[in-house]
């Protein structure tokens, strides 16, 4: 596993926004986090989130919307680590591309745990989109993955996690002291037929069942 030093934290002083359409999102986020974070911090994270997503994106149609969503997740995590908010246990799933295993595990845990757990997922080398068969296999199980997208691994979400579950990211997975680490060595669904993906889904779901018995009510 890799040290956390490999995950860059942007400076609170932000460069100019790389897309003028981000200005509206910056204003919304600044209002939402008034009293917790300065507008400059929000702006810096938003510009950084956009740049990280754009680095791997082939289709940029929704980048502005996704950057705002990613920034909100990072700000929520940052608020948690700084003691500005209370909440349930936080579980982070990490795989290489955040397009298969970690997305499936996060969706299954969020579906079954509800408000008992705050769930997130990320990739050390995020793909451009979630594998189509992942959404199909989850829909068959009654789990919605419509709004999911591959996200880069950032310092805030790692620091905020109580449990970090790695799923095939190998030596690139981050290590933060004081966190509980689990590794779930399930098969990679990338390019696999739907029948195989269903089997991987069920294997992950069995691990989710075990994890839920270990989490506080």
N, C-alpha and C. Protein backbone atom coordinates (compact mmCIF):
# COMPACT_ATOMS: atom_id res chain seq x y z
N UNK A 1 0.83 -1.20 0.00
CA UNK A 1 0.00 0.00 0.00
C UNK A 1 0.87 1.25 0.00
N UNK A 2 0.39 2.27 -0.64
CA UNK A 2 1.17 3.48 -0.79
C UNK A 2 0.91 4.45 0.34
N UNK A 3 1.92 5.27 0.72
CA UNK A 3 1.69 6.29 1.74
C UNK A 3 0.76 7.36 1.23
N UNK A 4 0.13 8.05 2.16
CA UNK A 4 -0.83 9.08 1.80
C UNK A 4 -0.18 10.25 1.10
N UNK A 5 1.15 10.38 1.19
CA UNK A 5 1.83 11.51 0.57
C UNK A 5 1.56 11.60 -0.92
N UNK A 6 1.17 10.48 -1.53
CA UNK A 6 0.93 10.48 -2.96
C UNK A 6 -0.38 11.13 -3.37
N UNK A 7 -1.22 11.50 -2.39
CA UNK A 7 -2.50 12.12 -2.70
C UNK A 7 -2.37 13.61 -2.45
N UNK A 8 -2.44 14.39 -3.50
CA UNK A 8 -2.17 15.82 -3.38
C UNK A 8 -3.35 16.57 -2.78
N UNK A 9 -3.04 17.53 -1.94
CA UNK A 9 -4.06 18.41 -1.36
C UNK A 9 -3.87 19.79 -1.96
N UNK A 10 -4.90 20.35 -2.60
CA UNK A 10 -4.74 21.64 -3.25
C UNK A 10 -4.56 22.76 -2.24
N UNK A 11 -3.93 23.83 -2.69
CA UNK A 11 -3.77 25.00 -1.84
C UNK A 11 -5.10 25.71 -1.69
N UNK A 12 -5.39 26.28 -0.50
CA UNK A 12 -6.64 27.03 -0.34
C UNK A 12 -6.76 28.20 -1.29
N UNK A 13 -5.62 28.76 -1.73
CA UNK A 13 -5.68 29.85 -2.70
C UNK A 13 -5.85 29.26 -4.08
N UNK A 14 -6.98 29.55 -4.73
CA UNK A 14 -7.36 28.87 -5.96
C UNK A 14 -6.88 29.61 -7.20
N UNK A 15 -6.53 28.84 -8.25
CA UNK A 15 -6.31 29.48 -9.55
C UNK A 15 -7.66 29.87 -10.15
N UNK A 16 -7.62 30.52 -11.28
CA UNK A 16 -8.86 30.83 -11.97
C UNK A 16 -9.57 29.54 -12.32
N UNK A 17 -10.89 29.56 -12.28
CA UNK A 17 -11.65 28.36 -12.60
C UNK A 17 -11.40 27.96 -14.06
N UNK A 18 -11.16 26.68 -14.32
CA UNK A 18 -10.84 26.24 -15.67
C UNK A 18 -12.04 26.26 -16.63
N UNK A 19 -13.24 26.41 -16.10
CA UNK A 19 -14.45 26.49 -16.92
C UNK A 19 -15.37 27.52 -16.28
N UNK A 20 -15.77 28.53 -17.03
CA UNK A 20 -16.58 29.61 -16.45
C UNK A 20 -17.90 29.12 -15.90
N UNK A 21 -18.38 27.96 -16.38
CA UNK A 21 -19.64 27.42 -15.88
C UNK A 21 -19.53 26.93 -14.44
N UNK A 22 -18.31 26.77 -13.93
CA UNK A 22 -18.12 26.35 -12.56
C UNK A 22 -18.47 27.44 -11.55
N UNK A 23 -18.55 28.69 -12.02
CA UNK A 23 -18.79 29.81 -11.10
C UNK A 23 -20.11 29.65 -10.35
N UNK A 24 -21.14 29.18 -11.04
CA UNK A 24 -22.43 29.00 -10.38
C UNK A 24 -22.34 27.92 -9.30
N UNK A 25 -21.62 26.85 -9.60
CA UNK A 25 -21.43 25.80 -8.61
C UNK A 25 -20.62 26.27 -7.42
N UNK A 26 -19.62 27.09 -7.69
CA UNK A 26 -18.80 27.64 -6.60
C UNK A 26 -19.66 28.48 -5.67
N UNK A 27 -20.56 29.26 -6.25
CA UNK A 27 -21.45 30.10 -5.43
C UNK A 27 -22.38 29.24 -4.59
N UNK A 28 -22.93 28.17 -5.19
CA UNK A 28 -23.83 27.28 -4.43
C UNK A 28 -23.09 26.62 -3.27
N UNK A 29 -21.89 26.13 -3.55
CA UNK A 29 -21.13 25.44 -2.51
C UNK A 29 -20.69 26.41 -1.41
N UNK A 30 -20.29 27.61 -1.80
CA UNK A 30 -19.88 28.60 -0.81
C UNK A 30 -21.03 28.92 0.14
N UNK A 31 -22.24 29.01 -0.41
CA UNK A 31 -23.41 29.27 0.42
C UNK A 31 -23.72 28.07 1.32
N UNK A 32 -23.63 26.89 0.76
CA UNK A 32 -23.93 25.66 1.51
C UNK A 32 -22.97 25.48 2.69
N UNK A 33 -21.72 25.87 2.50
CA UNK A 33 -20.71 25.65 3.54
C UNK A 33 -20.31 26.94 4.26
N UNK A 34 -21.17 27.94 4.21
CA UNK A 34 -20.92 29.18 4.93
C UNK A 34 -20.73 28.90 6.43
N UNK A 35 -19.70 29.49 7.00
CA UNK A 35 -19.42 29.28 8.41
C UNK A 35 -18.52 28.11 8.68
N UNK A 36 -18.31 27.27 7.67
CA UNK A 36 -17.41 26.13 7.83
C UNK A 36 -16.14 26.29 7.01
N UNK A 37 -16.30 26.74 5.75
CA UNK A 37 -15.15 26.90 4.89
C UNK A 37 -15.20 28.23 4.16
N UNK A 38 -14.05 28.83 3.99
CA UNK A 38 -13.96 30.09 3.27
C UNK A 38 -14.24 29.86 1.79
N UNK A 39 -14.79 30.86 1.10
CA UNK A 39 -15.04 30.72 -0.33
C UNK A 39 -13.78 30.34 -1.11
N UNK A 40 -12.63 30.81 -0.67
CA UNK A 40 -11.37 30.48 -1.37
C UNK A 40 -11.06 28.99 -1.27
N UNK A 41 -11.36 28.39 -0.12
CA UNK A 41 -11.15 26.94 0.03
C UNK A 41 -12.08 26.17 -0.89
N UNK A 42 -13.33 26.59 -0.93
CA UNK A 42 -14.31 25.95 -1.82
C UNK A 42 -13.87 26.07 -3.27
N UNK A 43 -13.44 27.25 -3.65
CA UNK A 43 -13.03 27.49 -5.03
C UNK A 43 -11.82 26.64 -5.40
N UNK A 44 -10.87 26.55 -4.49
CA UNK A 44 -9.68 25.76 -4.76
C UNK A 44 -9.99 24.28 -4.94
N UNK A 45 -10.87 23.74 -4.08
CA UNK A 45 -11.24 22.34 -4.20
C UNK A 45 -12.04 22.09 -5.47
N UNK A 46 -12.89 23.04 -5.85
CA UNK A 46 -13.70 22.87 -7.06
C UNK A 46 -12.81 22.86 -8.30
N UNK A 47 -11.86 23.78 -8.37
CA UNK A 47 -10.94 23.80 -9.51
C UNK A 47 -10.12 22.52 -9.57
N UNK A 48 -9.69 22.04 -8.40
CA UNK A 48 -8.89 20.81 -8.34
C UNK A 48 -9.73 19.60 -8.74
N UNK A 49 -10.97 19.55 -8.27
CA UNK A 49 -11.85 18.43 -8.62
C UNK A 49 -12.10 18.37 -10.12
N UNK A 50 -12.35 19.52 -10.71
CA UNK A 50 -12.57 19.58 -12.16
C UNK A 50 -11.34 19.07 -12.89
N UNK A 51 -10.15 19.53 -12.47
CA UNK A 51 -8.92 19.13 -13.16
C UNK A 51 -8.69 17.63 -13.05
N UNK A 52 -8.96 17.06 -11.88
CA UNK A 52 -8.77 15.62 -11.70
C UNK A 52 -9.71 14.81 -12.58
N UNK A 53 -10.98 15.23 -12.65
CA UNK A 53 -11.93 14.52 -13.49
C UNK A 53 -11.61 14.69 -14.97
N UNK A 54 -11.21 15.89 -15.36
CA UNK A 54 -10.92 16.18 -16.77
C UNK A 54 -9.71 15.39 -17.27
N UNK A 55 -8.81 15.05 -16.36
CA UNK A 55 -7.58 14.35 -16.75
C UNK A 55 -7.87 13.02 -17.42
N UNK A 56 -8.94 12.36 -17.02
CA UNK A 56 -9.24 11.02 -17.55
C UNK A 56 -10.50 11.00 -18.41
N UNK A 57 -11.15 12.14 -18.58
CA UNK A 57 -12.45 12.14 -19.26
C UNK A 57 -12.30 12.17 -20.78
N UNK A 58 -13.01 11.28 -21.45
CA UNK A 58 -13.11 11.33 -22.91
C UNK A 58 -14.30 12.19 -23.32
N UNK A 59 -15.38 12.10 -22.53
CA UNK A 59 -16.58 12.90 -22.78
C UNK A 59 -16.70 13.91 -21.65
N UNK A 60 -16.75 15.19 -22.00
CA UNK A 60 -16.70 16.25 -20.98
C UNK A 60 -18.05 16.93 -20.76
N UNK A 61 -19.11 16.34 -21.28
CA UNK A 61 -20.42 16.97 -21.21
C UNK A 61 -20.85 17.28 -19.78
N UNK A 62 -20.59 16.36 -18.88
CA UNK A 62 -21.10 16.50 -17.51
C UNK A 62 -20.01 16.84 -16.50
N UNK A 63 -18.86 17.26 -16.95
CA UNK A 63 -17.75 17.51 -16.05
C UNK A 63 -18.05 18.57 -15.00
N UNK A 64 -18.75 19.62 -15.40
CA UNK A 64 -19.04 20.71 -14.46
C UNK A 64 -19.92 20.21 -13.32
N UNK A 65 -20.95 19.44 -13.66
CA UNK A 65 -21.86 18.90 -12.64
C UNK A 65 -21.12 17.92 -11.74
N UNK A 66 -20.32 17.05 -12.34
CA UNK A 66 -19.60 16.05 -11.55
C UNK A 66 -18.56 16.70 -10.65
N UNK A 67 -17.92 17.76 -11.13
CA UNK A 67 -16.93 18.45 -10.31
C UNK A 67 -17.57 19.06 -9.07
N UNK A 68 -18.77 19.59 -9.23
CA UNK A 68 -19.47 20.16 -8.07
C UNK A 68 -19.83 19.05 -7.08
N UNK A 69 -20.29 17.91 -7.58
CA UNK A 69 -20.64 16.80 -6.70
C UNK A 69 -19.41 16.26 -5.97
N UNK A 70 -18.30 16.12 -6.70
CA UNK A 70 -17.08 15.63 -6.07
C UNK A 70 -16.59 16.60 -5.01
N UNK A 71 -16.67 17.89 -5.30
CA UNK A 71 -16.24 18.90 -4.33
C UNK A 71 -17.08 18.85 -3.07
N UNK A 72 -18.39 18.67 -3.21
CA UNK A 72 -19.27 18.57 -2.05
C UNK A 72 -18.89 17.37 -1.19
N UNK A 73 -18.57 16.25 -1.83
CA UNK A 73 -18.17 15.07 -1.08
C UNK A 73 -16.85 15.32 -0.34
N UNK A 74 -15.93 16.01 -0.99
CA UNK A 74 -14.64 16.31 -0.36
C UNK A 74 -14.82 17.29 0.81
N UNK A 75 -15.70 18.26 0.64
CA UNK A 75 -15.94 19.22 1.71
C UNK A 75 -16.62 18.56 2.91
N UNK A 76 -17.56 17.66 2.64
CA UNK A 76 -18.21 16.93 3.73
C UNK A 76 -17.19 16.11 4.51
N UNK A 77 -16.29 15.46 3.77
CA UNK A 77 -15.25 14.66 4.42
C UNK A 77 -14.30 15.55 5.22
N UNK A 78 -13.94 16.68 4.66
CA UNK A 78 -13.05 17.61 5.35
C UNK A 78 -13.70 18.15 6.63
N UNK A 79 -14.99 18.45 6.55
CA UNK A 79 -15.71 18.92 7.73
C UNK A 79 -15.72 17.86 8.82
N UNK A 80 -15.84 16.60 8.41
CA UNK A 80 -15.84 15.50 9.38
C UNK A 80 -14.49 15.40 10.08
N UNK A 81 -13.40 15.46 9.32
CA UNK A 81 -12.07 15.32 9.90
C UNK A 81 -11.73 16.49 10.81
N UNK A 82 -12.31 17.64 10.55
CA UNK A 82 -12.05 18.82 11.37
C UNK A 82 -13.01 18.96 12.55
N UNK A 83 -13.88 17.96 12.72
CA UNK A 83 -14.79 17.96 13.85
C UNK A 83 -15.93 18.95 13.72
N UNK A 84 -16.22 19.37 12.47
CA UNK A 84 -17.28 20.35 12.26
C UNK A 84 -18.65 19.68 12.15
N UNK A 85 -18.66 18.38 11.90
CA UNK A 85 -19.91 17.64 11.78
C UNK A 85 -19.78 16.30 12.49
N UNK A 86 -20.91 15.78 12.94
CA UNK A 86 -20.96 14.43 13.50
C UNK A 86 -21.70 13.55 12.49
N UNK A 87 -21.54 12.25 12.64
CA UNK A 87 -22.24 11.37 11.73
C UNK A 87 -21.91 9.92 12.01
N UNK A 88 -22.48 9.02 11.23
CA UNK A 88 -22.26 7.59 11.43
C UNK A 88 -20.87 7.18 10.96
N UNK A 89 -20.57 5.91 11.10
CA UNK A 89 -19.30 5.36 10.61
C UNK A 89 -19.16 5.64 9.11
N UNK A 90 -17.94 5.88 8.69
CA UNK A 90 -17.67 6.18 7.28
C UNK A 90 -16.82 5.06 6.69
N UNK A 91 -17.29 4.50 5.58
CA UNK A 91 -16.60 3.40 4.91
C UNK A 91 -16.22 3.84 3.50
N UNK A 92 -14.96 3.64 3.16
CA UNK A 92 -14.44 4.00 1.83
C UNK A 92 -13.98 2.75 1.11
N UNK A 93 -14.50 2.54 -0.11
CA UNK A 93 -14.07 1.43 -0.96
C UNK A 93 -13.13 1.98 -2.03
N UNK A 94 -11.99 1.30 -2.20
CA UNK A 94 -10.99 1.75 -3.17
C UNK A 94 -10.60 0.60 -4.09
N UNK A 95 -10.64 0.86 -5.40
CA UNK A 95 -10.07 -0.06 -6.37
C UNK A 95 -9.30 0.77 -7.39
N UNK A 96 -8.80 0.14 -8.42
CA UNK A 96 -7.96 0.86 -9.36
C UNK A 96 -8.74 1.89 -10.16
N UNK A 97 -9.83 1.46 -10.80
CA UNK A 97 -10.53 2.33 -11.74
C UNK A 97 -11.83 2.92 -11.20
N UNK A 98 -12.30 2.44 -10.06
CA UNK A 98 -13.58 2.89 -9.52
C UNK A 98 -14.70 2.77 -10.56
N UNK A 99 -14.62 1.71 -11.33
CA UNK A 99 -15.61 1.48 -12.37
C UNK A 99 -16.32 0.14 -12.21
N UNK A 100 -15.89 -0.65 -11.22
CA UNK A 100 -16.46 -1.97 -11.06
C UNK A 100 -16.64 -2.36 -9.61
N UNK A 101 -15.63 -3.01 -9.03
CA UNK A 101 -15.76 -3.58 -7.69
C UNK A 101 -16.10 -2.56 -6.61
N UNK A 102 -15.37 -1.45 -6.57
CA UNK A 102 -15.61 -0.48 -5.51
C UNK A 102 -16.97 0.20 -5.67
N UNK A 103 -17.40 0.42 -6.91
CA UNK A 103 -18.72 1.00 -7.15
C UNK A 103 -19.81 0.03 -6.69
N UNK A 104 -19.62 -1.24 -7.01
CA UNK A 104 -20.62 -2.24 -6.65
C UNK A 104 -20.71 -2.38 -5.13
N UNK A 105 -19.56 -2.42 -4.46
CA UNK A 105 -19.55 -2.58 -3.01
C UNK A 105 -20.18 -1.37 -2.32
N UNK A 106 -19.84 -0.17 -2.79
CA UNK A 106 -20.39 1.04 -2.18
C UNK A 106 -21.90 1.09 -2.35
N UNK A 107 -22.39 0.75 -3.53
CA UNK A 107 -23.83 0.79 -3.79
C UNK A 107 -24.57 -0.24 -2.95
N UNK A 108 -24.01 -1.43 -2.81
CA UNK A 108 -24.66 -2.47 -2.02
C UNK A 108 -24.70 -2.10 -0.54
N UNK A 109 -23.57 -1.56 -0.01
CA UNK A 109 -23.55 -1.18 1.39
C UNK A 109 -24.51 -0.02 1.66
N UNK A 110 -24.50 0.98 0.80
CA UNK A 110 -25.39 2.13 0.98
C UNK A 110 -26.86 1.69 0.94
N UNK A 111 -27.16 0.75 0.05
CA UNK A 111 -28.53 0.26 -0.09
C UNK A 111 -28.98 -0.49 1.17
N UNK A 112 -28.10 -1.29 1.71
CA UNK A 112 -28.48 -2.15 2.82
C UNK A 112 -28.33 -1.48 4.18
N UNK A 113 -27.39 -0.56 4.30
CA UNK A 113 -27.13 0.06 5.60
C UNK A 113 -27.95 1.32 5.81
N UNK A 114 -28.38 1.98 4.74
CA UNK A 114 -29.12 3.21 4.88
C UNK A 114 -28.31 4.28 5.59
N UNK A 115 -28.91 4.93 6.59
CA UNK A 115 -28.25 6.02 7.30
C UNK A 115 -27.30 5.55 8.38
N UNK A 116 -27.16 4.25 8.54
CA UNK A 116 -26.22 3.73 9.53
C UNK A 116 -24.77 3.99 9.15
N UNK A 117 -24.51 4.18 7.86
CA UNK A 117 -23.14 4.30 7.36
C UNK A 117 -23.09 5.39 6.29
N UNK A 118 -22.00 6.15 6.28
CA UNK A 118 -21.70 7.04 5.17
C UNK A 118 -20.72 6.33 4.26
N UNK A 119 -21.11 6.12 3.02
CA UNK A 119 -20.33 5.29 2.10
C UNK A 119 -19.77 6.13 0.96
N UNK A 120 -18.53 5.86 0.60
CA UNK A 120 -17.94 6.50 -0.57
C UNK A 120 -17.02 5.51 -1.27
N UNK A 121 -16.67 5.83 -2.50
CA UNK A 121 -15.75 4.98 -3.26
C UNK A 121 -14.87 5.87 -4.11
N UNK A 122 -13.71 5.33 -4.51
CA UNK A 122 -12.78 6.10 -5.32
C UNK A 122 -11.80 5.15 -6.00
N UNK A 123 -11.07 5.69 -6.98
CA UNK A 123 -10.10 4.89 -7.70
C UNK A 123 -8.73 5.54 -7.73
N UNK A 124 -7.70 4.71 -7.66
CA UNK A 124 -6.35 5.25 -7.75
C UNK A 124 -6.03 5.70 -9.18
N UNK A 125 -6.68 5.09 -10.16
CA UNK A 125 -6.55 5.50 -11.56
C UNK A 125 -7.96 5.42 -12.18
N UNK A 126 -8.82 6.38 -11.87
CA UNK A 126 -10.24 6.27 -12.25
C UNK A 126 -10.45 6.17 -13.75
N UNK A 127 -11.42 5.35 -14.12
CA UNK A 127 -11.79 5.18 -15.52
C UNK A 127 -12.69 6.32 -15.96
N UNK A 128 -13.08 6.28 -17.22
CA UNK A 128 -13.93 7.33 -17.77
C UNK A 128 -15.40 7.14 -17.38
N UNK A 129 -15.82 5.89 -17.20
CA UNK A 129 -17.21 5.62 -16.86
C UNK A 129 -17.32 4.28 -16.15
N UNK A 130 -18.44 4.08 -15.47
CA UNK A 130 -18.71 2.81 -14.79
C UNK A 130 -19.03 1.75 -15.82
N UNK A 131 -18.53 0.54 -15.60
CA UNK A 131 -18.79 -0.57 -16.51
C UNK A 131 -20.30 -0.81 -16.64
N UNK A 132 -20.83 -0.90 -17.86
CA UNK A 132 -22.28 -1.07 -18.05
C UNK A 132 -22.86 -2.29 -17.33
N UNK A 133 -22.13 -3.39 -17.31
CA UNK A 133 -22.65 -4.60 -16.67
C UNK A 133 -22.77 -4.44 -15.16
N UNK A 134 -22.02 -3.50 -14.58
CA UNK A 134 -22.12 -3.26 -13.14
C UNK A 134 -23.51 -2.71 -12.82
N UNK A 135 -23.92 -1.72 -13.57
CA UNK A 135 -25.26 -1.15 -13.38
C UNK A 135 -26.35 -2.17 -13.59
N UNK A 136 -26.20 -3.01 -14.61
CA UNK A 136 -27.21 -4.02 -14.89
C UNK A 136 -27.33 -5.03 -13.74
N UNK A 137 -26.18 -5.49 -13.25
CA UNK A 137 -26.19 -6.49 -12.18
C UNK A 137 -26.79 -5.91 -10.90
N UNK A 138 -26.52 -4.65 -10.63
CA UNK A 138 -27.08 -4.03 -9.43
C UNK A 138 -28.58 -3.75 -9.57
N UNK A 139 -28.99 -3.32 -10.76
CA UNK A 139 -30.41 -3.08 -10.99
C UNK A 139 -31.21 -4.36 -10.78
N UNK A 140 -30.66 -5.48 -11.22
CA UNK A 140 -31.33 -6.77 -11.02
C UNK A 140 -31.49 -7.10 -9.54
N UNK A 141 -30.60 -6.55 -8.71
CA UNK A 141 -30.66 -6.79 -7.27
C UNK A 141 -31.44 -5.69 -6.54
N UNK A 142 -32.05 -4.78 -7.30
CA UNK A 142 -32.85 -3.72 -6.69
C UNK A 142 -32.03 -2.55 -6.18
N UNK A 143 -30.80 -2.39 -6.69
CA UNK A 143 -29.92 -1.31 -6.25
C UNK A 143 -29.72 -0.33 -7.39
N UNK A 144 -29.88 0.95 -7.11
CA UNK A 144 -29.78 1.99 -8.13
C UNK A 144 -28.35 2.50 -8.23
N UNK A 145 -27.79 2.53 -9.43
CA UNK A 145 -26.44 3.04 -9.66
C UNK A 145 -26.47 4.17 -10.69
N UNK A 146 -27.63 4.78 -10.89
CA UNK A 146 -27.81 5.73 -11.98
C UNK A 146 -26.88 6.93 -11.88
N UNK A 147 -26.59 7.41 -10.68
CA UNK A 147 -25.80 8.63 -10.52
C UNK A 147 -24.33 8.37 -10.26
N UNK A 148 -23.90 7.13 -10.33
CA UNK A 148 -22.51 6.81 -10.02
C UNK A 148 -21.56 7.24 -11.14
N UNK A 149 -20.36 7.62 -10.76
CA UNK A 149 -19.32 7.96 -11.72
C UNK A 149 -17.96 7.69 -11.08
N UNK A 150 -16.94 7.32 -11.87
CA UNK A 150 -15.61 7.08 -11.29
C UNK A 150 -15.02 8.36 -10.72
N UNK A 151 -14.49 8.26 -9.49
CA UNK A 151 -13.94 9.42 -8.79
C UNK A 151 -12.47 9.17 -8.43
N UNK A 152 -11.66 10.21 -8.48
CA UNK A 152 -10.27 10.06 -8.05
C UNK A 152 -10.18 9.97 -6.53
N UNK A 153 -9.18 9.28 -6.05
CA UNK A 153 -8.94 9.17 -4.63
C UNK A 153 -8.32 10.47 -4.12
N UNK A 154 -8.90 11.06 -3.09
CA UNK A 154 -8.40 12.32 -2.55
C UNK A 154 -8.12 12.18 -1.06
N UNK A 155 -7.27 13.06 -0.57
CA UNK A 155 -6.84 13.00 0.83
C UNK A 155 -8.02 13.12 1.80
N UNK A 156 -8.97 13.98 1.46
CA UNK A 156 -10.07 14.24 2.40
C UNK A 156 -10.87 12.99 2.71
N UNK A 157 -11.24 12.23 1.67
CA UNK A 157 -12.10 11.07 1.90
C UNK A 157 -11.35 9.96 2.62
N UNK A 158 -10.03 9.86 2.38
CA UNK A 158 -9.25 8.85 3.10
C UNK A 158 -9.14 9.22 4.57
N UNK A 159 -8.85 10.49 4.85
CA UNK A 159 -8.71 10.94 6.22
C UNK A 159 -10.01 10.79 7.00
N UNK A 160 -11.14 10.97 6.32
CA UNK A 160 -12.44 10.92 7.00
C UNK A 160 -12.93 9.50 7.26
N UNK A 161 -12.38 8.52 6.56
CA UNK A 161 -12.89 7.15 6.64
C UNK A 161 -12.52 6.48 7.96
N UNK A 162 -13.46 5.74 8.52
CA UNK A 162 -13.18 4.88 9.67
C UNK A 162 -12.67 3.52 9.20
N UNK A 163 -13.22 3.06 8.08
CA UNK A 163 -12.82 1.78 7.49
C UNK A 163 -12.49 2.01 6.01
N UNK A 164 -11.33 1.56 5.60
CA UNK A 164 -10.93 1.61 4.19
C UNK A 164 -10.86 0.18 3.67
N UNK A 165 -11.65 -0.10 2.64
CA UNK A 165 -11.68 -1.45 2.08
C UNK A 165 -11.10 -1.41 0.68
N UNK A 166 -9.98 -2.08 0.49
CA UNK A 166 -9.31 -2.10 -0.81
C UNK A 166 -9.75 -3.32 -1.61
N UNK A 167 -9.83 -3.11 -2.92
CA UNK A 167 -10.37 -4.16 -3.80
C UNK A 167 -9.59 -4.19 -5.11
N UNK A 168 -8.31 -4.48 -5.03
CA UNK A 168 -7.56 -4.66 -6.25
C UNK A 168 -6.73 -3.48 -6.69
N UNK A 169 -6.45 -2.52 -5.79
CA UNK A 169 -5.59 -1.40 -6.20
C UNK A 169 -4.14 -1.66 -5.83
N UNK A 170 -3.86 -2.77 -5.15
CA UNK A 170 -2.49 -3.17 -4.89
C UNK A 170 -1.68 -2.15 -4.11
N UNK A 171 -0.45 -1.93 -4.56
CA UNK A 171 0.47 -1.05 -3.85
C UNK A 171 0.06 0.42 -3.92
N UNK A 172 -0.90 0.76 -4.80
CA UNK A 172 -1.33 2.16 -4.92
C UNK A 172 -2.33 2.56 -3.85
N UNK A 173 -2.85 1.59 -3.09
CA UNK A 173 -3.83 1.91 -2.06
C UNK A 173 -3.18 2.71 -0.94
N UNK A 174 -3.89 3.70 -0.41
CA UNK A 174 -3.30 4.59 0.60
C UNK A 174 -3.30 3.99 1.99
N UNK A 175 -2.41 4.46 2.82
CA UNK A 175 -2.34 4.04 4.21
C UNK A 175 -2.40 5.26 5.10
N UNK A 176 -3.34 5.29 6.02
CA UNK A 176 -3.46 6.37 7.00
C UNK A 176 -3.53 5.72 8.38
N UNK A 177 -2.70 6.15 9.29
CA UNK A 177 -2.70 5.56 10.63
C UNK A 177 -4.04 5.82 11.32
N UNK A 178 -4.45 4.87 12.12
CA UNK A 178 -5.68 5.01 12.88
C UNK A 178 -6.92 4.55 12.14
N UNK A 179 -6.77 4.13 10.90
CA UNK A 179 -7.91 3.61 10.15
C UNK A 179 -7.89 2.08 10.16
N UNK A 180 -9.06 1.50 10.08
CA UNK A 180 -9.14 0.05 9.95
C UNK A 180 -9.09 -0.31 8.48
N UNK A 181 -8.23 -1.23 8.12
CA UNK A 181 -8.08 -1.62 6.72
C UNK A 181 -8.52 -3.05 6.51
N UNK A 182 -9.28 -3.25 5.44
CA UNK A 182 -9.67 -4.58 5.00
C UNK A 182 -9.34 -4.71 3.52
N UNK A 183 -9.03 -5.91 3.10
CA UNK A 183 -8.81 -6.14 1.68
C UNK A 183 -9.74 -7.26 1.23
N UNK A 184 -10.55 -6.96 0.21
CA UNK A 184 -11.47 -7.95 -0.32
C UNK A 184 -10.97 -8.39 -1.70
N UNK A 185 -10.32 -9.54 -1.79
CA UNK A 185 -9.74 -9.99 -3.07
C UNK A 185 -10.77 -10.68 -3.96
N UNK A 186 -11.72 -9.90 -4.46
CA UNK A 186 -12.72 -10.45 -5.38
C UNK A 186 -12.27 -10.24 -6.81
N UNK A 187 -12.83 -11.03 -7.73
CA UNK A 187 -12.43 -10.97 -9.13
C UNK A 187 -12.76 -9.62 -9.76
N UNK A 188 -12.01 -9.27 -10.79
CA UNK A 188 -12.21 -8.01 -11.51
C UNK A 188 -13.30 -8.22 -12.56
N UNK A 189 -14.38 -7.41 -12.52
CA UNK A 189 -15.46 -7.58 -13.50
C UNK A 189 -15.21 -6.89 -14.84
N UNK A 190 -14.08 -6.21 -14.98
CA UNK A 190 -13.80 -5.45 -16.19
C UNK A 190 -13.86 -6.34 -17.44
N UNK A 191 -14.82 -6.06 -18.32
CA UNK A 191 -14.95 -6.81 -19.56
C UNK A 191 -15.57 -8.19 -19.41
N UNK A 192 -15.99 -8.56 -18.21
CA UNK A 192 -16.56 -9.89 -17.98
C UNK A 192 -18.01 -9.95 -18.44
N UNK A 193 -18.49 -11.13 -18.85
CA UNK A 193 -19.91 -11.27 -19.22
C UNK A 193 -20.79 -11.08 -18.00
N UNK A 194 -22.05 -10.78 -18.25
CA UNK A 194 -22.97 -10.44 -17.16
C UNK A 194 -23.11 -11.57 -16.15
N UNK A 195 -23.04 -12.82 -16.60
CA UNK A 195 -23.16 -13.94 -15.66
C UNK A 195 -22.02 -13.92 -14.64
N UNK A 196 -20.83 -13.58 -15.10
CA UNK A 196 -19.68 -13.50 -14.19
C UNK A 196 -19.84 -12.32 -13.25
N UNK A 197 -20.32 -11.20 -13.78
CA UNK A 197 -20.51 -10.00 -12.95
C UNK A 197 -21.53 -10.28 -11.86
N UNK A 198 -22.56 -11.03 -12.16
CA UNK A 198 -23.56 -11.39 -11.13
C UNK A 198 -22.90 -12.18 -10.00
N UNK A 199 -22.00 -13.09 -10.36
CA UNK A 199 -21.29 -13.86 -9.34
C UNK A 199 -20.41 -12.99 -8.47
N UNK A 200 -19.74 -12.01 -9.09
CA UNK A 200 -18.91 -11.07 -8.33
C UNK A 200 -19.79 -10.23 -7.41
N UNK A 201 -20.93 -9.79 -7.92
CA UNK A 201 -21.88 -9.04 -7.10
C UNK A 201 -22.27 -9.82 -5.86
N UNK A 202 -22.59 -11.10 -6.03
CA UNK A 202 -23.03 -11.92 -4.91
C UNK A 202 -21.90 -12.15 -3.92
N UNK A 203 -20.67 -12.29 -4.43
CA UNK A 203 -19.52 -12.47 -3.54
C UNK A 203 -19.29 -11.22 -2.70
N UNK A 204 -19.42 -10.05 -3.32
CA UNK A 204 -19.27 -8.80 -2.58
C UNK A 204 -20.40 -8.64 -1.58
N UNK A 205 -21.61 -9.00 -1.97
CA UNK A 205 -22.76 -8.86 -1.08
C UNK A 205 -22.60 -9.73 0.16
N UNK A 206 -22.00 -10.90 0.00
CA UNK A 206 -21.76 -11.76 1.16
C UNK A 206 -20.79 -11.09 2.13
N UNK A 207 -19.81 -10.40 1.61
CA UNK A 207 -18.86 -9.67 2.46
C UNK A 207 -19.55 -8.46 3.12
N UNK A 208 -20.47 -7.84 2.39
CA UNK A 208 -21.24 -6.73 2.96
C UNK A 208 -22.05 -7.20 4.16
N UNK A 209 -22.65 -8.38 4.03
CA UNK A 209 -23.44 -8.95 5.12
C UNK A 209 -22.57 -9.13 6.36
N UNK A 210 -21.37 -9.64 6.19
CA UNK A 210 -20.45 -9.82 7.30
C UNK A 210 -20.04 -8.49 7.90
N UNK A 211 -19.77 -7.50 7.04
CA UNK A 211 -19.36 -6.18 7.52
C UNK A 211 -20.45 -5.54 8.35
N UNK A 212 -21.69 -5.68 7.93
CA UNK A 212 -22.80 -5.05 8.65
C UNK A 212 -22.95 -5.60 10.06
N UNK A 213 -22.58 -6.85 10.26
CA UNK A 213 -22.66 -7.42 11.62
C UNK A 213 -21.61 -6.82 12.54
N UNK A 214 -20.56 -6.21 11.95
CA UNK A 214 -19.47 -5.64 12.75
C UNK A 214 -19.65 -4.17 13.04
N UNK A 215 -20.57 -3.53 12.31
CA UNK A 215 -20.79 -2.11 12.51
C UNK A 215 -21.77 -1.87 13.65
N UNK A 216 -21.57 -0.78 14.37
CA UNK A 216 -22.45 -0.46 15.48
C UNK A 216 -23.85 -0.17 14.95
N UNK A 217 -24.90 -0.54 15.71
CA UNK A 217 -26.28 -0.26 15.28
C UNK A 217 -26.50 1.24 15.09
